[in-house]
Amino acid sequence: MKIQVLGSGCKSCDTLYENVTKALEKTQLSQTAHLEKINDIDYFRKMGVFSTPGLVIEGELISSGKVVTQEALIEILNSRK
């Protein structure tokens, strides 16, 4: 599973990255998922993210402009197993 956190390095972006990391550990997907931070503004636009942070899973924009909670991320990840 390919997961991307889109952001310029702001506190919200870092928090979302941490939440995704913890959710991956709790769902035991940390071994199989590929998590990366993207800070390319052109890529943000391409994905439809005009307010960071953005969350993309398997090429699908999941959220933009908010920090998704660990609990919500666990639900999202479990639905994609």
C-alpha atoms as a PDB file:
ATOM      1  CA  MET A   1       0.000   0.000   0.000  1.00  0.00           C
ATOM      2  CA  LYS A   2       1.437   3.356  -1.035  1.00  0.00           C
ATOM      3  CA  ILE A   3       0.648   6.244   1.323  1.00  0.00           C
ATOM      4  CA  GLN A   4       1.739   9.827   0.754  1.00  0.00           C
ATOM      5  CA  VAL A   5       1.556  12.779   3.121  1.00  0.00           C
ATOM      6  CA  LEU A   6       1.668  15.987   1.109  1.00  0.00           C
ATOM      7  CA  GLY A   7       2.971  19.040   2.924  1.00  0.00           C
ATOM      8  CA  SER A   8       5.607  21.691   3.117  1.00  0.00           C
ATOM      9  CA  GLY A   9       6.872  20.727   6.560  1.00  0.00           C
ATOM     10  CA  CYS A  10       4.372  22.628   8.695  1.00  0.00           C
ATOM     11  CA  LYS A  11       3.326  21.376  12.135  1.00  0.00           C
ATOM     12  CA  SER A  12       0.036  19.988  10.786  1.00  0.00           C
ATOM     13  CA  CYS A  13       1.894  18.078   8.072  1.00  0.00           C
ATOM     14  CA  ASP A  14       4.273  16.585  10.629  1.00  0.00           C
ATOM     15  CA  THR A  15       1.358  15.654  12.894  1.00  0.00           C
ATOM     16  CA  LEU A  16      -0.456  13.895  10.041  1.00  0.00           C
ATOM     17  CA  TYR A  17       2.718  11.969   9.191  1.00  0.00           C
ATOM     18  CA  GLU A  18       3.038  10.883  12.844  1.00  0.00           C
ATOM     19  CA  ASN A  19      -0.640   9.863  12.954  1.00  0.00           C
ATOM     20  CA  VAL A  20      -0.225   7.753   9.816  1.00  0.00           C
ATOM     21  CA  THR A  21       2.906   6.109  11.239  1.00  0.00           C
ATOM     22  CA  LYS A  22       1.127   5.225  14.492  1.00  0.00           C
ATOM     23  CA  ALA A  23      -1.985   3.995  12.662  1.00  0.00           C
ATOM     24  CA  LEU A  24       0.176   1.750  10.473  1.00  0.00           C
ATOM     25  CA  GLU A  25       1.767   0.262  13.576  1.00  0.00           C
ATOM     26  CA  LYS A  26      -1.616  -0.329  15.232  1.00  0.00           C
ATOM     27  CA  THR A  27      -3.021  -2.025  12.130  1.00  0.00           C
ATOM     28  CA  GLN A  28       0.180  -4.036  11.676  1.00  0.00           C
ATOM     29  CA  LEU A  29       0.631  -2.609   8.180  1.00  0.00           C
ATOM     30  CA  SER A  30       3.915  -0.881   8.926  1.00  0.00           C
ATOM     31  CA  GLN A  31       5.860  -3.774   7.380  1.00  0.00           C
ATOM     32  CA  THR A  32       3.981  -3.790   4.083  1.00  0.00           C
ATOM     33  CA  ALA A  33       2.974  -0.163   3.564  1.00  0.00           C
ATOM     34  CA  HIS A  34       5.213   2.382   1.884  1.00  0.00           C
ATOM     35  CA  LEU A  35       4.859   5.805   3.556  1.00  0.00           C
ATOM     36  CA  GLU A  36       6.465   8.907   2.132  1.00  0.00           C
ATOM     37  CA  LYS A  37       6.419  12.670   2.606  1.00  0.00           C
ATOM     38  CA  ILE A  38       6.007  14.757  -0.525  1.00  0.00           C
ATOM     39  CA  ASN A  39       6.843  18.465  -0.546  1.00  0.00           C
ATOM     40  CA  ASP A  40       6.553  19.148  -4.284  1.00  0.00           C
ATOM     41  CA  ILE A  41       3.985  21.930  -4.765  1.00  0.00           C
ATOM     42  CA  ASP A  42       3.410  20.953  -8.401  1.00  0.00           C
ATOM     43  CA  TYR A  43       2.477  17.446  -7.228  1.00  0.00           C
ATOM     44  CA  PHE A  44       0.082  18.988  -4.673  1.00  0.00           C
ATOM     45  CA  ARG A  45      -1.743  20.775  -7.484  1.00  0.00           C
ATOM     46  CA  LYS A  46      -1.789  17.664  -9.654  1.00  0.00           C
ATOM     47  CA  MET A  47      -3.442  15.728  -6.828  1.00  0.00           C
ATOM     48  CA  GLY A  48      -5.935  18.520  -6.089  1.00  0.00           C
ATOM     49  CA  VAL A  49      -4.397  19.596  -2.788  1.00  0.00           C
ATOM     50  CA  PHE A  50      -4.613  23.354  -2.393  1.00  0.00           C
ATOM     51  CA  SER A  51      -4.463  23.348   1.397  1.00  0.00           C
ATOM     52  CA  THR A  52      -1.987  21.154   3.262  1.00  0.00           C
ATOM     53  CA  PRO A  53      -1.634  18.646   4.685  1.00  0.00           C
ATOM     54  CA  GLY A  54      -2.875  16.222   2.092  1.00  0.00           C
ATOM     55  CA  LEU A  55      -3.244  12.474   2.371  1.00  0.00           C
ATOM     56  CA  VAL A  56      -3.077  10.220  -0.680  1.00  0.00           C
ATOM     57  CA  ILE A  57      -3.502   6.436  -0.529  1.00  0.00           C
ATOM     58  CA  GLU A  58      -2.884   4.359  -3.648  1.00  0.00           C
ATOM     59  CA  GLY A  59      -3.159   7.481  -5.815  1.00  0.00           C
ATOM     60  CA  GLU A  60      -6.527   8.540  -4.328  1.00  0.00           C
ATOM     61  CA  LEU A  61      -6.852  11.831  -2.451  1.00  0.00           C
ATOM     62  CA  ILE A  62      -8.268  10.980   0.979  1.00  0.00           C
ATOM     63  CA  SER A  63      -8.101  14.363   2.696  1.00  0.00           C
ATOM     64  CA  SER A  64      -6.832  17.870   2.206  1.00  0.00           C
ATOM     65  CA  GLY A  65      -6.352  20.754   4.603  1.00  0.00           C
ATOM     66  CA  LYS A  66      -6.831  18.830   7.843  1.00  0.00           C
ATOM     67  CA  VAL A  67      -5.059  16.471  10.192  1.00  0.00           C
ATOM     68  CA  VAL A  68      -6.784  13.097  10.096  1.00  0.00           C
ATOM     69  CA  THR A  69      -6.912  11.445  13.527  1.00  0.00           C
ATOM     70  CA  GLN A  70      -5.253   8.127  14.261  1.00  0.00           C
ATOM     71  CA  GLU A  71      -8.661   6.553  14.861  1.00  0.00           C
ATOM     72  CA  ALA A  72      -9.990   7.700  11.480  1.00  0.00           C
ATOM     73  CA  LEU A  73      -6.789   6.538   9.791  1.00  0.00           C
ATOM     74  CA  ILE A  74      -7.123   3.096  11.350  1.00  0.00           C
ATOM     75  CA  GLU A  75     -10.643   2.819   9.906  1.00  0.00           C
ATOM     76  CA  ILE A  76      -9.428   3.985   6.485  1.00  0.00           C
ATOM     77  CA  LEU A  77      -6.481   1.571   6.487  1.00  0.00           C
ATOM     78  CA  ASN A  78      -8.570  -1.375   7.667  1.00  0.00           C
ATOM     79  CA  SER A  79     -11.081  -0.776   4.886  1.00  0.00           C
ATOM     80  CA  ARG A  80      -8.275  -1.007   2.325  1.00  0.00           C
ATOM     81  CA  LYS A  81      -6.627  -4.234   3.531  1.00  0.00           C
END
